[in-house]
All heavy atoms as atom14 arrays in JSON, in Angstrom:
{
  "sequence": "AASRSIISINTMGWYRQAPGKQRELVAQISSGNIVDYAASVK",
  "atom14_mask": [
    [1, 1, 1, 1, 1, 0, 0, 0, 0, 0, 0, 0, 0, 0],
    [1, 1, 1, 1, 1, 0, 0, 0, 0, 0, 0, 0, 0, 0],
    [1, 1, 1, 1, 1, 1, 0, 0, 0, 0, 0, 0, 0, 0],
    [1, 1, 1, 1, 1, 1, 1, 1, 1, 1, 1, 0, 0, 0],
    [1, 1, 1, 1, 1, 1, 0, 0, 0, 0, 0, 0, 0, 0],
    [1, 1, 1, 1, 1, 1, 1, 1, 0, 0, 0, 0, 0, 0],
    [1, 1, 1, 1, 1, 1, 1, 1, 0, 0, 0, 0, 0, 0],
    [1, 1, 1, 1, 1, 1, 0, 0, 0, 0, 0, 0, 0, 0],
    [1, 1, 1, 1, 1, 1, 1, 1, 0, 0, 0, 0, 0, 0],
    [1, 1, 1, 1, 1, 1, 1, 1, 0, 0, 0, 0, 0, 0],
    [1, 1, 1, 1, 1, 1, 1, 0, 0, 0, 0, 0, 0, 0],
    [1, 1, 1, 1, 1, 1, 1, 1, 0, 0, 0, 0, 0, 0],
    [1, 1, 1, 1, 0, 0, 0, 0, 0, 0, 0, 0, 0, 0],
    [1, 1, 1, 1, 1, 1, 1, 1, 1, 1, 1, 1, 1, 1],
    [1, 1, 1, 1, 1, 1, 1, 1, 1, 1, 1, 1, 0, 0],
    [1, 1, 1, 1, 1, 1, 1, 1, 1, 1, 1, 0, 0, 0],
    [1, 1, 1, 1, 1, 1, 1, 1, 1, 0, 0, 0, 0, 0],
    [1, 1, 1, 1, 1, 0, 0, 0, 0, 0, 0, 0, 0, 0],
    [1, 1, 1, 1, 1, 1, 1, 0, 0, 0, 0, 0, 0, 0],
    [1, 1, 1, 1, 0, 0, 0, 0, 0, 0, 0, 0, 0, 0],
    [1, 1, 1, 1, 1, 1, 1, 1, 1, 0, 0, 0, 0, 0],
    [1, 1, 1, 1, 1, 1, 1, 1, 1, 0, 0, 0, 0, 0],
    [1, 1, 1, 1, 1, 1, 1, 1, 1, 1, 1, 0, 0, 0],
    [1, 1, 1, 1, 1, 1, 1, 1, 1, 0, 0, 0, 0, 0],
    [1, 1, 1, 1, 1, 1, 1, 1, 0, 0, 0, 0, 0, 0],
    [1, 1, 1, 1, 1, 1, 1, 0, 0, 0, 0, 0, 0, 0],
    [1, 1, 1, 1, 1, 0, 0, 0, 0, 0, 0, 0, 0, 0],
    [1, 1, 1, 1, 1, 1, 1, 1, 1, 0, 0, 0, 0, 0],
    [1, 1, 1, 1, 1, 1, 1, 1, 0, 0, 0, 0, 0, 0],
    [1, 1, 1, 1, 1, 1, 0, 0, 0, 0, 0, 0, 0, 0],
    [1, 1, 1, 1, 1, 1, 0, 0, 0, 0, 0, 0, 0, 0],
    [1, 1, 1, 1, 0, 0, 0, 0, 0, 0, 0, 0, 0, 0],
    [1, 1, 1, 1, 1, 1, 1, 1, 0, 0, 0, 0, 0, 0],
    [1, 1, 1, 1, 1, 1, 1, 1, 0, 0, 0, 0, 0, 0],
    [1, 1, 1, 1, 1, 1, 1, 0, 0, 0, 0, 0, 0, 0],
    [1, 1, 1, 1, 1, 1, 1, 1, 0, 0, 0, 0, 0, 0],
    [1, 1, 1, 1, 1, 1, 1, 1, 1, 1, 1, 1, 0, 0],
    [1, 1, 1, 1, 1, 0, 0, 0, 0, 0, 0, 0, 0, 0],
    [1, 1, 1, 1, 1, 0, 0, 0, 0, 0, 0, 0, 0, 0],
    [1, 1, 1, 1, 1, 1, 0, 0, 0, 0, 0, 0, 0, 0],
    [1, 1, 1, 1, 1, 1, 1, 0, 0, 0, 0, 0, 0, 0],
    [1, 1, 1, 1, 1, 1, 1, 1, 1, 0, 0, 0, 0, 0]
  ],
  "atom14_positions": [
    [[-0.48, 100.85, 57.47], [0.09, 102.08, 56.93], [-0.39, 103.27, 57.75], [-1.59, 103.45, 57.94], [-0.29, 102.26, 55.47], [0.0, 0.0, 0.0], [0.0, 0.0, 0.0], [0.0, 0.0, 0.0], [0.0, 0.0, 0.0], [0.0, 0.0, 0.0], [0.0, 0.0, 0.0], [0.0, 0.0, 0.0], [0.0, 0.0, 0.0], [0.0, 0.0, 0.0]],
    [[0.53, 104.08, 58.21], [0.21, 105.26, 59.0], [0.25, 106.5, 58.13], [1.01, 106.58, 57.16], [1.19, 105.41, 60.16], [0.0, 0.0, 0.0], [0.0, 0.0, 0.0], [0.0, 0.0, 0.0], [0.0, 0.0, 0.0], [0.0, 0.0, 0.0], [0.0, 0.0, 0.0], [0.0, 0.0, 0.0], [0.0, 0.0, 0.0], [0.0, 0.0, 0.0]],
    [[-0.56, 107.47, 58.49], [-0.7, 108.68, 57.69], [0.43, 109.68, 57.91], [0.55, 110.65, 57.16], [-2.04, 109.37, 58.0], [-2.11, 109.75, 59.36], [0.0, 0.0, 0.0], [0.0, 0.0, 0.0], [0.0, 0.0, 0.0], [0.0, 0.0, 0.0], [0.0, 0.0, 0.0], [0.0, 0.0, 0.0], [0.0, 0.0, 0.0], [0.0, 0.0, 0.0]],
    [[1.22, 109.46, 58.92], [2.33, 110.34, 59.19], [3.47, 109.56, 59.81], [3.37, 108.35, 60.0], [1.9, 111.49, 60.12], [1.47, 111.03, 61.52], [1.52, 112.18, 62.5], [0.99, 111.85, 63.81], [1.67, 111.22, 64.76], [2.92, 110.82, 64.54], [1.11, 110.98, 65.94], [0.0, 0.0, 0.0], [0.0, 0.0, 0.0], [0.0, 0.0, 0.0]],
    [[4.54, 110.24, 60.14], [5.7, 109.61, 60.73], [5.34, 108.85, 61.99], [4.56, 109.32, 62.82], [6.77, 110.66, 61.05], [7.85, 110.07, 61.75], [0.0, 0.0, 0.0], [0.0, 0.0, 0.0], [0.0, 0.0, 0.0], [0.0, 0.0, 0.0], [0.0, 0.0, 0.0], [0.0, 0.0, 0.0], [0.0, 0.0, 0.0], [0.0, 0.0, 0.0]],
    [[5.93, 107.67, 62.13], [5.72, 106.87, 63.33], [6.98, 106.78, 64.18], [7.03, 106.04, 65.16], [5.23, 105.44, 62.99], [6.28, 104.7, 62.17], [3.9, 105.49, 62.26], [5.98, 103.22, 61.99], [0.0, 0.0, 0.0], [0.0, 0.0, 0.0], [0.0, 0.0, 0.0], [0.0, 0.0, 0.0], [0.0, 0.0, 0.0], [0.0, 0.0, 0.0]],
    [[7.98, 107.53, 63.81], [9.25, 107.48, 64.53], [9.08, 107.76, 66.02], [9.71, 107.13, 66.86], [10.26, 108.47, 63.91], [10.63, 108.02, 62.49], [11.52, 108.55, 64.77], [11.53, 109.0, 61.76], [0.0, 0.0, 0.0], [0.0, 0.0, 0.0], [0.0, 0.0, 0.0], [0.0, 0.0, 0.0], [0.0, 0.0, 0.0], [0.0, 0.0, 0.0]],
    [[8.22, 108.72, 66.34], [8.03, 109.12, 67.72], [7.01, 108.27, 68.48], [6.81, 108.49, 69.67], [7.6, 110.59, 67.78], [6.34, 110.78, 67.17], [0.0, 0.0, 0.0], [0.0, 0.0, 0.0], [0.0, 0.0, 0.0], [0.0, 0.0, 0.0], [0.0, 0.0, 0.0], [0.0, 0.0, 0.0], [0.0, 0.0, 0.0], [0.0, 0.0, 0.0]],
    [[6.38, 107.33, 67.8], [5.39, 106.48, 68.45], [6.1, 105.3, 69.1], [6.61, 104.41, 68.41], [4.33, 105.99, 67.44], [3.63, 107.18, 66.81], [3.33, 105.07, 68.14], [2.62, 106.82, 65.75], [0.0, 0.0, 0.0], [0.0, 0.0, 0.0], [0.0, 0.0, 0.0], [0.0, 0.0, 0.0], [0.0, 0.0, 0.0], [0.0, 0.0, 0.0]],
    [[6.1, 105.3, 70.41], [6.87, 104.29, 71.14], [6.32, 102.88, 70.94], [7.09, 101.93, 70.77], [6.92, 104.61, 72.62], [7.8, 103.64, 73.38], [8.98, 103.48, 73.07], [7.23, 102.97, 74.38], [0.0, 0.0, 0.0], [0.0, 0.0, 0.0], [0.0, 0.0, 0.0], [0.0, 0.0, 0.0], [0.0, 0.0, 0.0], [0.0, 0.0, 0.0]],
    [[4.99, 102.76, 70.97], [4.4, 101.43, 70.91], [3.36, 101.33, 69.8], [2.46, 102.16, 69.7], [3.74, 101.05, 72.24], [4.7, 101.15, 73.29], [3.2, 99.63, 72.19], [0.0, 0.0, 0.0], [0.0, 0.0, 0.0], [0.0, 0.0, 0.0], [0.0, 0.0, 0.0], [0.0, 0.0, 0.0], [0.0, 0.0, 0.0], [0.0, 0.0, 0.0]],
    [[3.51, 100.33, 68.98], [2.5, 99.97, 67.99], [2.22, 98.49, 68.15], [3.04, 97.74, 68.68], [2.97, 100.28, 66.58], [3.25, 101.76, 66.33], [3.63, 102.14, 64.6], [2.01, 101.88, 63.84], [0.0, 0.0, 0.0], [0.0, 0.0, 0.0], [0.0, 0.0, 0.0], [0.0, 0.0, 0.0], [0.0, 0.0, 0.0], [0.0, 0.0, 0.0]],
    [[1.05, 98.08, 67.7], [0.72, 96.68, 67.87], [-0.42, 96.22, 67.01], [-1.05, 97.0, 66.29], [0.0, 0.0, 0.0], [0.0, 0.0, 0.0], [0.0, 0.0, 0.0], [0.0, 0.0, 0.0], [0.0, 0.0, 0.0], [0.0, 0.0, 0.0], [0.0, 0.0, 0.0], [0.0, 0.0, 0.0], [0.0, 0.0, 0.0], [0.0, 0.0, 0.0]],
    [[-0.66, 94.92, 67.09], [-1.76, 94.27, 66.41], [-2.68, 93.62, 67.42], [-2.22, 92.95, 68.35], [-1.26, 93.2, 65.43], [-0.53, 93.75, 64.25], [0.8, 93.94, 64.11], [-1.14, 94.16, 63.02], [1.09, 94.45, 62.87], [-0.08, 94.6, 62.17], [-2.45, 94.21, 62.54], [-0.31, 95.07, 60.88], [-2.67, 94.68, 61.26], [-1.62, 95.1, 60.44]],
    [[-3.97, 93.84, 67.25], [-5.0, 93.19, 68.02], [-5.9, 92.42, 67.07], [-5.92, 92.67, 65.87], [-5.85, 94.2, 68.79], [-5.18, 94.82, 70.0], [-4.15, 95.74, 69.86], [-5.6, 94.49, 71.29], [-3.55, 96.31, 70.98], [-5.01, 95.06, 72.4], [-3.99, 95.96, 72.24], [-3.4, 96.53, 73.35], [0.0, 0.0, 0.0], [0.0, 0.0, 0.0]],
    [[-6.66, 91.49, 67.61], [-7.64, 90.79, 66.8], [-8.9, 90.55, 67.6], [-8.88, 90.49, 68.82], [-7.08, 89.47, 66.26], [-6.82, 88.4, 67.32], [-6.14, 87.19, 66.71], [-5.91, 86.14, 67.69], [-5.2, 85.05, 67.46], [-4.64, 84.85, 66.26], [-5.04, 84.13, 68.42], [0.0, 0.0, 0.0], [0.0, 0.0, 0.0], [0.0, 0.0, 0.0]],
    [[-10.0, 90.42, 66.88], [-11.27, 90.15, 67.51], [-12.06, 89.16, 66.67], [-12.36, 89.44, 65.51], [-12.07, 91.43, 67.72], [-13.34, 91.24, 68.54], [-13.92, 92.55, 69.02], [-13.72, 93.6, 68.41], [-14.64, 92.5, 70.13], [0.0, 0.0, 0.0], [0.0, 0.0, 0.0], [0.0, 0.0, 0.0], [0.0, 0.0, 0.0], [0.0, 0.0, 0.0]],
    [[-12.36, 88.03, 67.26], [-13.19, 87.02, 66.62], [-14.62, 87.18, 67.1], [-14.87, 87.73, 68.18], [-12.67, 85.62, 66.96], [0.0, 0.0, 0.0], [0.0, 0.0, 0.0], [0.0, 0.0, 0.0], [0.0, 0.0, 0.0], [0.0, 0.0, 0.0], [0.0, 0.0, 0.0], [0.0, 0.0, 0.0], [0.0, 0.0, 0.0], [0.0, 0.0, 0.0]],
    [[-15.59, 86.71, 66.31], [-16.99, 86.82, 66.72], [-17.22, 86.21, 68.1], [-16.78, 85.09, 68.37], [-17.74, 86.04, 65.64], [-16.86, 86.16, 64.43], [-15.46, 86.1, 64.98], [0.0, 0.0, 0.0], [0.0, 0.0, 0.0], [0.0, 0.0, 0.0], [0.0, 0.0, 0.0], [0.0, 0.0, 0.0], [0.0, 0.0, 0.0], [0.0, 0.0, 0.0]],
    [[-17.89, 86.95, 68.96], [-18.21, 86.47, 70.28], [-17.07, 86.5, 71.27], [-17.22, 86.03, 72.4], [0.0, 0.0, 0.0], [0.0, 0.0, 0.0], [0.0, 0.0, 0.0], [0.0, 0.0, 0.0], [0.0, 0.0, 0.0], [0.0, 0.0, 0.0], [0.0, 0.0, 0.0], [0.0, 0.0, 0.0], [0.0, 0.0, 0.0], [0.0, 0.0, 0.0]],
    [[-15.94, 87.04, 70.87], [-14.78, 87.1, 71.75], [-14.32, 88.53, 71.97], [-14.63, 89.42, 71.19], [-13.63, 86.27, 71.18], [-13.9, 84.79, 71.05], [-12.69, 84.03, 70.55], [-11.54, 84.09, 71.54], [-10.37, 83.3, 71.07], [0.0, 0.0, 0.0], [0.0, 0.0, 0.0], [0.0, 0.0, 0.0], [0.0, 0.0, 0.0], [0.0, 0.0, 0.0]],
    [[-13.59, 88.72, 73.05], [-13.0, 90.02, 73.34], [-11.85, 90.31, 72.37], [-11.19, 89.39, 71.89], [-12.47, 90.06, 74.77], [-13.52, 89.96, 75.86], [-14.12, 91.29, 76.22], [-13.83, 92.32, 75.59], [-14.96, 91.31, 77.24], [0.0, 0.0, 0.0], [0.0, 0.0, 0.0], [0.0, 0.0, 0.0], [0.0, 0.0, 0.0], [0.0, 0.0, 0.0]],
    [[-11.65, 91.58, 72.11], [-10.48, 91.98, 71.34], [-9.24, 91.67, 72.17], [-9.18, 91.99, 73.36], [-10.55, 93.47, 71.01], [-9.39, 93.98, 70.17], [-9.66, 95.37, 69.67], [-10.01, 96.27, 70.75], [-10.47, 97.51, 70.58], [-10.64, 97.99, 69.35], [-10.76, 98.26, 71.64], [0.0, 0.0, 0.0], [0.0, 0.0, 0.0], [0.0, 0.0, 0.0]],
    [[-8.27, 91.04, 71.56], [-7.08, 90.63, 72.29], [-5.81, 91.1, 71.6], [-5.74, 91.22, 70.38], [-7.05, 89.1, 72.42], [-6.93, 88.36, 71.1], [-6.81, 86.85, 71.27], [-6.66, 86.38, 72.42], [-6.89, 86.14, 70.25], [0.0, 0.0, 0.0], [0.0, 0.0, 0.0], [0.0, 0.0, 0.0], [0.0, 0.0, 0.0], [0.0, 0.0, 0.0]],
    [[-4.82, 91.35, 72.42], [-3.52, 91.73, 71.91], [-2.86, 90.53, 71.25], [-2.78, 89.45, 71.84], [-2.64, 92.26, 73.04], [-1.19, 92.6, 72.66], [-1.15, 93.81, 71.73], [-0.36, 92.87, 73.91], [0.0, 0.0, 0.0], [0.0, 0.0, 0.0], [0.0, 0.0, 0.0], [0.0, 0.0, 0.0], [0.0, 0.0, 0.0], [0.0, 0.0, 0.0]],
    [[-2.37, 90.73, 70.05], [-1.64, 89.7, 69.32], [-0.14, 89.9, 69.47], [0.6, 88.97, 69.8], [-2.03, 89.69, 67.83], [-1.19, 88.68, 67.06], [-3.51, 89.39, 67.67], [0.0, 0.0, 0.0], [0.0, 0.0, 0.0], [0.0, 0.0, 0.0], [0.0, 0.0, 0.0], [0.0, 0.0, 0.0], [0.0, 0.0, 0.0], [0.0, 0.0, 0.0]],
    [[0.3, 91.11, 69.22], [1.72, 91.42, 69.29], [1.89, 92.92, 69.39], [1.04, 93.69, 68.93], [2.47, 90.89, 68.07], [0.0, 0.0, 0.0], [0.0, 0.0, 0.0], [0.0, 0.0, 0.0], [0.0, 0.0, 0.0], [0.0, 0.0, 0.0], [0.0, 0.0, 0.0], [0.0, 0.0, 0.0], [0.0, 0.0, 0.0], [0.0, 0.0, 0.0]],
    [[2.99, 93.35, 69.98], [3.3, 94.76, 70.02], [4.79, 94.96, 69.84], [5.59, 94.06, 70.11], [2.83, 95.42, 71.32], [3.45, 94.87, 72.59], [2.89, 95.53, 73.83], [1.74, 95.99, 73.84], [3.69, 95.58, 74.89], [0.0, 0.0, 0.0], [0.0, 0.0, 0.0], [0.0, 0.0, 0.0], [0.0, 0.0, 0.0], [0.0, 0.0, 0.0]],
    [[5.15, 96.16, 69.4], [6.55, 96.46, 69.12], [6.84, 97.9, 69.53], [6.05, 98.8, 69.28], [6.87, 96.22, 67.62], [8.35, 96.46, 67.34], [5.98, 97.07, 66.72], [8.78, 95.96, 65.96], [0.0, 0.0, 0.0], [0.0, 0.0, 0.0], [0.0, 0.0, 0.0], [0.0, 0.0, 0.0], [0.0, 0.0, 0.0], [0.0, 0.0, 0.0]],
    [[7.97, 98.1, 70.17], [8.37, 99.42, 70.61], [9.19, 100.12, 69.54], [9.59, 99.52, 68.53], [9.18, 99.33, 71.9], [10.48, 98.84, 71.65], [0.0, 0.0, 0.0], [0.0, 0.0, 0.0], [0.0, 0.0, 0.0], [0.0, 0.0, 0.0], [0.0, 0.0, 0.0], [0.0, 0.0, 0.0], [0.0, 0.0, 0.0], [0.0, 0.0, 0.0]],
    [[9.47, 101.38, 69.77], [10.3, 102.13, 68.84], [11.72, 101.58, 68.78], [12.41, 101.79, 67.79], [10.34, 103.61, 69.24], [10.86, 103.76, 70.55], [0.0, 0.0, 0.0], [0.0, 0.0, 0.0], [0.0, 0.0, 0.0], [0.0, 0.0, 0.0], [0.0, 0.0, 0.0], [0.0, 0.0, 0.0], [0.0, 0.0, 0.0], [0.0, 0.0, 0.0]],
    [[12.11, 100.86, 69.82], [13.41, 100.2, 69.84], [13.37, 98.78, 69.36], [14.33, 98.03, 69.56], [0.0, 0.0, 0.0], [0.0, 0.0, 0.0], [0.0, 0.0, 0.0], [0.0, 0.0, 0.0], [0.0, 0.0, 0.0], [0.0, 0.0, 0.0], [0.0, 0.0, 0.0], [0.0, 0.0, 0.0], [0.0, 0.0, 0.0], [0.0, 0.0, 0.0]],
    [[12.26, 98.39, 68.76], [12.06, 97.05, 68.19], [12.05, 95.94, 69.25], [12.42, 94.8, 68.97], [13.11, 96.74, 67.12], [12.87, 97.51, 65.84], [11.73, 97.68, 65.42], [13.94, 97.98, 65.23], [0.0, 0.0, 0.0], [0.0, 0.0, 0.0], [0.0, 0.0, 0.0], [0.0, 0.0, 0.0], [0.0, 0.0, 0.0], [0.0, 0.0, 0.0]],
    [[11.62, 96.29, 70.44], [11.35, 95.28, 71.46], [9.95, 94.75, 71.21], [9.0, 95.53, 71.08], [11.46, 95.86, 72.87], [12.84, 96.49, 73.09], [11.19, 94.77, 73.91], [13.98, 95.52, 72.93], [0.0, 0.0, 0.0], [0.0, 0.0, 0.0], [0.0, 0.0, 0.0], [0.0, 0.0, 0.0], [0.0, 0.0, 0.0], [0.0, 0.0, 0.0]],
    [[9.81, 93.45, 71.14], [8.53, 92.85, 70.76], [7.97, 91.97, 71.86], [8.7, 91.41, 72.67], [8.66, 92.04, 69.46], [9.12, 92.93, 68.32], [9.64, 90.89, 69.64], [0.0, 0.0, 0.0], [0.0, 0.0, 0.0], [0.0, 0.0, 0.0], [0.0, 0.0, 0.0], [0.0, 0.0, 0.0], [0.0, 0.0, 0.0], [0.0, 0.0, 0.0]],
    [[6.65, 91.87, 71.87], [5.94, 90.96, 72.76], [4.84, 90.29, 71.97], [4.23, 90.92, 71.1], [5.34, 91.71, 73.95], [6.38, 92.19, 74.93], [7.07, 91.34, 75.52], [6.49, 93.42, 75.11], [0.0, 0.0, 0.0], [0.0, 0.0, 0.0], [0.0, 0.0, 0.0], [0.0, 0.0, 0.0], [0.0, 0.0, 0.0], [0.0, 0.0, 0.0]],
    [[4.59, 89.03, 72.27], [3.57, 88.26, 71.57], [2.63, 87.59, 72.54], [3.03, 87.19, 73.64], [4.21, 87.18, 70.7], [5.09, 87.69, 69.6], [6.46, 87.8, 69.77], [4.55, 88.06, 68.37], [7.28, 88.28, 68.76], [5.35, 88.54, 67.35], [6.72, 88.64, 67.55], [7.53, 89.11, 66.54], [0.0, 0.0, 0.0], [0.0, 0.0, 0.0]],
    [[1.4, 87.44, 72.11], [0.48, 86.6, 72.85], [0.97, 85.16, 72.78], [1.56, 84.73, 71.78], [-0.92, 86.69, 72.26], [0.0, 0.0, 0.0], [0.0, 0.0, 0.0], [0.0, 0.0, 0.0], [0.0, 0.0, 0.0], [0.0, 0.0, 0.0], [0.0, 0.0, 0.0], [0.0, 0.0, 0.0], [0.0, 0.0, 0.0], [0.0, 0.0, 0.0]],
    [[0.73, 84.42, 73.85], [1.19, 83.04, 73.89], [0.64, 82.21, 72.74], [1.31, 81.3, 72.23], [0.81, 82.4, 75.22], [0.0, 0.0, 0.0], [0.0, 0.0, 0.0], [0.0, 0.0, 0.0], [0.0, 0.0, 0.0], [0.0, 0.0, 0.0], [0.0, 0.0, 0.0], [0.0, 0.0, 0.0], [0.0, 0.0, 0.0], [0.0, 0.0, 0.0]],
    [[-0.56, 82.53, 72.3], [-1.21, 81.77, 71.25], [-0.56, 81.92, 69.88], [-0.78, 81.08, 69.0], [-2.69, 82.15, 71.16], [-2.83, 83.53, 70.88], [0.0, 0.0, 0.0], [0.0, 0.0, 0.0], [0.0, 0.0, 0.0], [0.0, 0.0, 0.0], [0.0, 0.0, 0.0], [0.0, 0.0, 0.0], [0.0, 0.0, 0.0], [0.0, 0.0, 0.0]],
    [[0.23, 82.96, 69.7], [0.85, 83.2, 68.39], [2.36, 83.16, 68.44], [3.02, 83.19, 67.38], [0.39, 84.54, 67.78], [-1.12, 84.62, 67.74], [0.98, 85.73, 68.53], [0.0, 0.0, 0.0], [0.0, 0.0, 0.0], [0.0, 0.0, 0.0], [0.0, 0.0, 0.0], [0.0, 0.0, 0.0], [0.0, 0.0, 0.0], [0.0, 0.0, 0.0]],
    [[2.93, 83.11, 69.61], [4.37, 83.12, 69.76], [5.0, 81.96, 68.99], [4.57, 80.82, 69.11], [4.76, 83.05, 71.23], [6.22, 83.38, 71.5], [6.5, 83.42, 72.99], [7.92, 83.85, 73.3], [8.15, 85.26, 72.93], [0.0, 0.0, 0.0], [0.0, 0.0, 0.0], [0.0, 0.0, 0.0], [0.0, 0.0, 0.0], [0.0, 0.0, 0.0]]
  ]
}
């Protein structure tokens, strides 16, 4: 949940971090609903 309008935010995404591991990109989505996924979750 965002505190204000996200219409103008081109890219939003999800990252995750497990203990002892680097934070990694899980998925991202553009304002035009173009999506990308990490291979591990695709």
